[in-house]
């Protein structure tokens, strides 16, 4: 039995998937560092374990991208949730038996594998499905709405995780596994490949298929100057943000001179709210700015200033405000960068190229967590924030180079531009003029 779906249905499913998946993930975000410290790791070992997660993503991004670009985006999402459930319970078991760093590294590698199956797959599904159902809006705003849905879920999950953590730091991880099960059910019932035809790829063909997709991702990714510049920015900014998100937990609690886990949950919720505020600004800012790179450059500058300031202030409230400003800037930049990327990536390689960009972010995260984590132990967390913030300045030159390329994808074209704008002529997805030809709603299985 089949039913008809249109672009509004696709957007709704995307928002629900984003919210449910983020809710399941965010229950531990506000307490993860505290959990690892309580399990017996020191501050550097915490970031060694966290860096194992990003190593897992680096190693697995391309092979898992093959799954999304062959077997389908839906299957990749479902595999992701199953692996994440197992790896999350691995964390719980490691803490329960008093396992050391090696066990947590193994569980973190599995988490990286799980998230690599998720990375790129849902975005690729969304863009292909919107293209197939004749969506005529701005992708920037869809991604911003998705980020807002994720932010709202993170707000709820972070507060809930903090409350649960005050009872026992293991409980947020147990609840996360349950919620990931719910995400699996939602994806299984609501997510169907639209605008993309899955094809079989036997296991014995995986190496050859991986090589083929890798070559395609290099051709459409690294060899594309614009994608290469975005990869560089992602490595720099993503690397710092991964470290910075987990570093604020002991840093802010130390400034407040408290060990109340619930405080970390509240701060994580405020981080979610500030990110949502940045997401909400995207719709208004895209009406004011003519180019996406304008927003990306300003967001990059604010992020760097906030990071340096956070390490210098020495006051809980001032550091908290600067953290929220940083996350607000990140909330503006992320959906705009997503939209730019999708506008220059062909559909057949979309999931893999997006995964390749994510790979650079994971590689940056690995280096940042090891480097800044070591600096945190050798010097202090505030010193590491200052050094990391100075490093963020390196993201500005690639963005200026991207702006100088003056690509069509850099232009923000609203609905008033009509369906026959310059992007339509070049067949670029992710813009207002996706296709001038009306299409009927698409049939999918019930």
Foldseek 3Di string as FASTA:
>chain_A
DKDFDALVLLLVLLLVLLQLLLLLVLLCLLCQQVLVVVLPDDLLLSLVLLLLLLVLLLVQLLLLLLCCLAQHLLVLLLQLLVLLLVLLVQSLVCSVVSHDSVSSSVSSSSNSNSVSSNFLSSLLQSLLQNLLNVFQFFQLLSVLSSLLSSLVSSLVSLLNSLVVVLVPNSVSSVSSSVSSVVSSVSSVPRRDRHNHDHHDQDPVCSVVSSVVLVVVLCVLAVVPLLNVLLLVLLLLVLQLVSQVSSLVNVVLCVLVVHDRSSVSSNLSSLLSVLLSLLSVCQVVVLVVDFFLLVLQLVLLLLLLVLLQQLLPPSHNVSNSVSSSSNSSSVSNNPSSSVLLLQQRGDSSSRSSNSSVSVSSSSVSNSVLSNVLSVVCVVPRNSVSSNVSSVSSVVSNVSSVVSVVVVDPSGGADGCVCDLPDPSQVVCTTRHSNNHPDRDGGDMDHD
